[in-house]
N, C-alpha and C. Protein backbone atom coordinates (compact mmCIF):
# COMPACT_ATOMS: atom_id res chain seq x y z
N MET A 1 0.82 -1.18 0.00
CA MET A 1 0.00 0.00 0.00
C MET A 1 0.87 1.25 0.00
N THR A 2 2.08 1.13 0.49
CA THR A 2 2.99 2.27 0.50
C THR A 2 3.30 2.71 -0.92
N SER A 3 3.47 1.75 -1.81
CA SER A 3 3.78 2.10 -3.20
C SER A 3 2.60 2.82 -3.86
N ILE A 4 1.39 2.42 -3.53
CA ILE A 4 0.21 3.10 -4.06
C ILE A 4 0.14 4.52 -3.51
N TRP A 5 0.38 4.65 -2.20
CA TRP A 5 0.40 5.97 -1.57
C TRP A 5 1.42 6.88 -2.26
N ASN A 6 2.62 6.36 -2.45
CA ASN A 6 3.68 7.16 -3.08
C ASN A 6 3.31 7.56 -4.51
N HIS A 7 2.69 6.65 -5.23
CA HIS A 7 2.30 6.98 -6.60
C HIS A 7 1.23 8.07 -6.62
N LEU A 8 0.22 7.94 -5.76
CA LEU A 8 -0.85 8.93 -5.75
C LEU A 8 -0.39 10.28 -5.21
N LYS A 9 0.45 10.25 -4.19
CA LYS A 9 0.87 11.49 -3.54
C LYS A 9 1.97 12.21 -4.32
N GLU A 10 2.95 11.44 -4.80
CA GLU A 10 4.14 12.04 -5.41
C GLU A 10 4.31 11.71 -6.90
N GLY A 11 3.47 10.83 -7.41
CA GLY A 11 3.56 10.47 -8.82
C GLY A 11 4.69 9.53 -9.16
N THR A 12 5.28 8.87 -8.16
CA THR A 12 6.39 7.95 -8.42
C THR A 12 5.89 6.65 -9.04
N LEU A 13 6.67 6.13 -9.97
CA LEU A 13 6.36 4.87 -10.64
C LEU A 13 7.61 4.01 -10.70
N PRO A 14 7.44 2.68 -10.73
CA PRO A 14 8.59 1.80 -10.93
C PRO A 14 9.22 2.08 -12.30
N GLU A 15 10.50 1.78 -12.43
CA GLU A 15 11.20 2.04 -13.69
C GLU A 15 10.79 1.07 -14.79
N ASP A 16 10.47 -0.16 -14.41
CA ASP A 16 10.03 -1.16 -15.38
C ASP A 16 8.67 -0.76 -15.97
N LYS A 17 8.55 -0.77 -17.29
CA LYS A 17 7.31 -0.34 -17.95
C LYS A 17 6.10 -1.15 -17.52
N ASP A 18 6.26 -2.48 -17.47
CA ASP A 18 5.14 -3.34 -17.09
C ASP A 18 4.71 -3.08 -15.65
N GLU A 19 5.69 -2.94 -14.76
CA GLU A 19 5.38 -2.66 -13.36
C GLU A 19 4.72 -1.29 -13.21
N ALA A 20 5.16 -0.32 -13.98
CA ALA A 20 4.57 1.02 -13.94
C ALA A 20 3.11 0.97 -14.41
N ARG A 21 2.85 0.20 -15.45
CA ARG A 21 1.48 0.04 -15.95
C ARG A 21 0.60 -0.61 -14.89
N LYS A 22 1.12 -1.66 -14.24
CA LYS A 22 0.37 -2.34 -13.19
C LYS A 22 0.08 -1.39 -12.03
N MET A 23 1.07 -0.56 -11.68
CA MET A 23 0.90 0.38 -10.58
C MET A 23 -0.20 1.40 -10.91
N ARG A 24 -0.21 1.90 -12.13
CA ARG A 24 -1.25 2.85 -12.53
C ARG A 24 -2.63 2.21 -12.46
N MET A 25 -2.73 0.95 -12.88
CA MET A 25 -4.02 0.26 -12.84
C MET A 25 -4.46 -0.01 -11.40
N ARG A 26 -3.51 -0.47 -10.56
CA ARG A 26 -3.84 -0.74 -9.16
C ARG A 26 -4.23 0.53 -8.43
N SER A 27 -3.47 1.60 -8.64
CA SER A 27 -3.71 2.83 -7.89
C SER A 27 -4.98 3.56 -8.34
N ALA A 28 -5.53 3.20 -9.49
CA ALA A 28 -6.78 3.81 -9.95
C ALA A 28 -7.94 3.46 -9.02
N LYS A 29 -7.77 2.40 -8.24
CA LYS A 29 -8.82 1.97 -7.31
C LYS A 29 -8.74 2.69 -5.97
N PHE A 30 -7.77 3.60 -5.83
CA PHE A 30 -7.56 4.28 -4.56
C PHE A 30 -7.59 5.79 -4.74
N VAL A 31 -7.83 6.49 -3.64
CA VAL A 31 -7.84 7.95 -3.65
C VAL A 31 -7.32 8.44 -2.29
N ILE A 32 -6.65 9.57 -2.28
CA ILE A 32 -6.19 10.18 -1.03
C ILE A 32 -7.09 11.37 -0.73
N ILE A 33 -7.66 11.36 0.47
CA ILE A 33 -8.49 12.46 0.94
C ILE A 33 -7.97 12.89 2.30
N GLU A 34 -7.57 14.15 2.40
CA GLU A 34 -7.04 14.71 3.64
C GLU A 34 -5.96 13.82 4.25
N ASP A 35 -4.99 13.42 3.44
CA ASP A 35 -3.86 12.59 3.85
C ASP A 35 -4.26 11.21 4.39
N GLU A 36 -5.40 10.72 3.98
CA GLU A 36 -5.84 9.37 4.31
C GLU A 36 -6.07 8.62 3.00
N LEU A 37 -5.64 7.36 2.94
CA LEU A 37 -5.81 6.55 1.74
C LEU A 37 -7.13 5.79 1.83
N PHE A 38 -7.92 5.86 0.76
CA PHE A 38 -9.20 5.16 0.70
C PHE A 38 -9.24 4.31 -0.56
N LYS A 39 -9.93 3.17 -0.46
CA LYS A 39 -10.14 2.29 -1.62
C LYS A 39 -11.54 2.56 -2.15
N ARG A 40 -11.60 2.74 -3.46
CA ARG A 40 -12.90 2.94 -4.09
C ARG A 40 -13.58 1.60 -4.23
N GLY A 41 -14.85 1.54 -3.87
CA GLY A 41 -15.62 0.32 -4.04
C GLY A 41 -16.49 0.41 -5.27
N VAL A 42 -16.91 -0.72 -5.79
CA VAL A 42 -17.77 -0.74 -6.97
C VAL A 42 -19.15 -0.21 -6.62
N SER A 43 -19.76 -0.78 -5.61
CA SER A 43 -21.10 -0.36 -5.21
C SER A 43 -21.13 0.03 -3.73
N THR A 44 -19.98 0.32 -3.18
CA THR A 44 -19.89 0.68 -1.76
C THR A 44 -19.24 2.05 -1.63
N PRO A 45 -19.40 2.67 -0.46
CA PRO A 45 -18.70 3.93 -0.25
C PRO A 45 -17.19 3.69 -0.16
N LEU A 46 -16.44 4.76 -0.04
CA LEU A 46 -14.98 4.63 0.10
C LEU A 46 -14.65 3.84 1.36
N LEU A 47 -13.64 2.97 1.25
CA LEU A 47 -13.18 2.18 2.39
C LEU A 47 -11.85 2.74 2.86
N LYS A 48 -11.74 3.04 4.14
CA LYS A 48 -10.50 3.58 4.68
C LYS A 48 -9.45 2.47 4.75
N CYS A 49 -8.28 2.73 4.20
CA CYS A 49 -7.18 1.77 4.23
C CYS A 49 -6.46 1.87 5.58
N LEU A 50 -6.23 0.74 6.20
CA LEU A 50 -5.64 0.70 7.53
C LEU A 50 -4.22 0.15 7.50
N THR A 51 -3.45 0.56 8.51
CA THR A 51 -2.12 -0.02 8.72
C THR A 51 -2.30 -1.37 9.41
N ALA A 52 -1.24 -2.12 9.55
CA ALA A 52 -1.31 -3.44 10.18
C ALA A 52 -1.79 -3.34 11.63
N SER A 53 -1.30 -2.36 12.38
CA SER A 53 -1.71 -2.23 13.78
C SER A 53 -3.17 -1.79 13.89
N GLN A 54 -3.61 -0.90 13.01
CA GLN A 54 -5.01 -0.49 13.01
C GLN A 54 -5.91 -1.67 12.64
N ALA A 55 -5.47 -2.46 11.68
CA ALA A 55 -6.23 -3.63 11.24
C ALA A 55 -6.38 -4.64 12.37
N ALA A 56 -5.32 -4.88 13.11
CA ALA A 56 -5.38 -5.82 14.24
C ALA A 56 -6.39 -5.35 15.28
N TYR A 57 -6.42 -4.05 15.54
CA TYR A 57 -7.37 -3.50 16.51
C TYR A 57 -8.80 -3.68 16.02
N VAL A 58 -9.06 -3.38 14.75
CA VAL A 58 -10.40 -3.51 14.19
C VAL A 58 -10.86 -4.96 14.25
N ILE A 59 -9.99 -5.89 13.87
CA ILE A 59 -10.35 -7.31 13.93
C ILE A 59 -10.71 -7.71 15.35
N LYS A 60 -9.88 -7.33 16.29
CA LYS A 60 -10.13 -7.69 17.70
C LYS A 60 -11.46 -7.11 18.17
N GLU A 61 -11.72 -5.85 17.88
CA GLU A 61 -12.96 -5.21 18.32
C GLU A 61 -14.19 -5.84 17.68
N ILE A 62 -14.12 -6.12 16.41
CA ILE A 62 -15.29 -6.71 15.75
C ILE A 62 -15.51 -8.14 16.22
N HIS A 63 -14.43 -8.88 16.42
CA HIS A 63 -14.58 -10.28 16.80
C HIS A 63 -14.95 -10.49 18.26
N GLN A 64 -14.28 -9.78 19.15
CA GLN A 64 -14.53 -10.06 20.57
C GLN A 64 -14.73 -8.82 21.42
N GLY A 65 -14.67 -7.67 20.82
CA GLY A 65 -14.80 -6.44 21.58
C GLY A 65 -16.22 -5.91 21.58
N ILE A 66 -16.39 -4.76 21.00
CA ILE A 66 -17.67 -4.06 20.99
C ILE A 66 -18.78 -4.96 20.44
N CYS A 67 -18.52 -5.62 19.35
CA CYS A 67 -19.56 -6.43 18.70
C CYS A 67 -19.74 -7.79 19.37
N ASP A 68 -18.70 -8.32 19.99
CA ASP A 68 -18.73 -9.62 20.67
C ASP A 68 -19.41 -10.69 19.83
N MET A 69 -18.98 -10.79 18.59
CA MET A 69 -19.65 -11.68 17.65
C MET A 69 -19.11 -13.11 17.65
N HIS A 70 -17.81 -13.27 17.71
CA HIS A 70 -17.19 -14.59 17.57
C HIS A 70 -17.75 -15.31 16.35
N SER A 71 -17.81 -14.57 15.25
CA SER A 71 -18.33 -15.13 14.01
C SER A 71 -17.19 -15.76 13.20
N GLY A 72 -17.54 -16.37 12.09
CA GLY A 72 -16.54 -16.98 11.23
C GLY A 72 -15.74 -15.95 10.46
N ALA A 73 -14.71 -16.43 9.77
CA ALA A 73 -13.78 -15.53 9.07
C ALA A 73 -14.47 -14.74 7.96
N ARG A 74 -15.28 -15.40 7.14
CA ARG A 74 -15.96 -14.69 6.05
C ARG A 74 -16.92 -13.65 6.58
N SER A 75 -17.67 -14.03 7.60
CA SER A 75 -18.62 -13.10 8.21
C SER A 75 -17.90 -11.91 8.83
N MET A 76 -16.77 -12.18 9.48
CA MET A 76 -16.01 -11.10 10.09
C MET A 76 -15.42 -10.18 9.03
N ALA A 77 -14.91 -10.72 7.95
CA ALA A 77 -14.37 -9.89 6.87
C ALA A 77 -15.47 -9.01 6.27
N THR A 78 -16.65 -9.56 6.12
CA THR A 78 -17.78 -8.78 5.61
C THR A 78 -18.14 -7.65 6.56
N ARG A 79 -18.11 -7.92 7.86
CA ARG A 79 -18.41 -6.88 8.85
C ARG A 79 -17.36 -5.77 8.82
N VAL A 80 -16.11 -6.14 8.62
CA VAL A 80 -15.04 -5.14 8.53
C VAL A 80 -15.29 -4.23 7.32
N LEU A 81 -15.62 -4.83 6.19
CA LEU A 81 -15.91 -4.05 4.99
C LEU A 81 -17.13 -3.16 5.18
N ARG A 82 -18.16 -3.69 5.82
CA ARG A 82 -19.36 -2.89 6.08
C ARG A 82 -19.08 -1.74 7.03
N ALA A 83 -18.10 -1.93 7.91
CA ALA A 83 -17.72 -0.86 8.83
C ALA A 83 -16.91 0.22 8.12
N GLY A 84 -16.49 -0.07 6.88
CA GLY A 84 -15.81 0.94 6.07
C GLY A 84 -14.30 0.87 6.08
N TYR A 85 -13.75 -0.32 6.34
CA TYR A 85 -12.29 -0.47 6.40
C TYR A 85 -11.80 -1.47 5.36
N TYR A 86 -10.52 -1.30 4.99
CA TYR A 86 -9.89 -2.20 4.02
C TYR A 86 -8.39 -2.26 4.28
N TRP A 87 -7.82 -3.42 4.04
CA TRP A 87 -6.37 -3.60 3.93
C TRP A 87 -6.16 -4.85 3.09
N PRO A 88 -5.01 -4.96 2.42
CA PRO A 88 -4.80 -6.02 1.43
C PRO A 88 -4.94 -7.44 1.96
N THR A 89 -4.60 -7.68 3.20
CA THR A 89 -4.63 -9.04 3.75
C THR A 89 -5.84 -9.27 4.65
N LEU A 90 -6.91 -8.56 4.40
CA LEU A 90 -8.11 -8.60 5.25
C LEU A 90 -8.61 -10.02 5.47
N LYS A 91 -8.85 -10.76 4.41
CA LYS A 91 -9.44 -12.10 4.55
C LYS A 91 -8.51 -13.06 5.28
N SER A 92 -7.25 -13.06 4.93
CA SER A 92 -6.32 -13.99 5.60
C SER A 92 -6.10 -13.59 7.06
N ASP A 93 -6.12 -12.30 7.36
CA ASP A 93 -5.98 -11.86 8.75
C ASP A 93 -7.17 -12.29 9.59
N CYS A 94 -8.37 -12.21 9.02
CA CYS A 94 -9.57 -12.66 9.73
C CYS A 94 -9.50 -14.16 9.99
N GLN A 95 -9.09 -14.92 8.98
CA GLN A 95 -8.96 -16.38 9.13
C GLN A 95 -7.95 -16.72 10.21
N SER A 96 -6.83 -16.05 10.21
CA SER A 96 -5.78 -16.29 11.20
C SER A 96 -6.28 -15.97 12.61
N HIS A 97 -7.01 -14.87 12.74
CA HIS A 97 -7.53 -14.48 14.06
C HIS A 97 -8.53 -15.52 14.58
N ILE A 98 -9.39 -16.01 13.71
CA ILE A 98 -10.39 -17.02 14.10
C ILE A 98 -9.69 -18.30 14.56
N GLN A 99 -8.63 -18.70 13.87
CA GLN A 99 -7.92 -19.92 14.23
C GLN A 99 -7.24 -19.80 15.59
N LYS A 100 -6.89 -18.58 16.00
CA LYS A 100 -6.22 -18.37 17.28
C LYS A 100 -7.21 -18.18 18.43
N CYS A 101 -8.48 -17.95 18.12
CA CYS A 101 -9.49 -17.68 19.14
C CYS A 101 -9.90 -18.98 19.83
N LYS A 102 -9.69 -19.05 21.14
CA LYS A 102 -10.02 -20.27 21.90
C LYS A 102 -11.52 -20.52 21.94
N GLU A 103 -12.32 -19.46 22.04
CA GLU A 103 -13.77 -19.63 22.12
C GLU A 103 -14.37 -20.15 20.82
N CYS A 104 -13.69 -19.91 19.71
CA CYS A 104 -14.21 -20.33 18.41
C CYS A 104 -13.80 -21.76 18.04
N GLN A 105 -12.92 -22.35 18.80
CA GLN A 105 -12.42 -23.69 18.47
C GLN A 105 -13.27 -24.77 19.08
């Protein structure tokens, strides 16, 4: 996500033509608003892109905190998206968290 941020903020691209083309296509799905990176959704509002530490907090809160759901990985990933958040490893992070949860086993 750092490379997308750099491309959108500073216009930097990889030197390789193919990689530069891929970066332009990938970054078209994102926008920076007030120094925050957001992912554009097809039929959803903008999703705020989170850092790894922010993502861990959101997963914990949705799974066992405020929501106290202890739901499955797919359901939890859907709830994260509905809450308006995104990060590249969202689905695998939810799966990993569920596997570590003692109450869910």
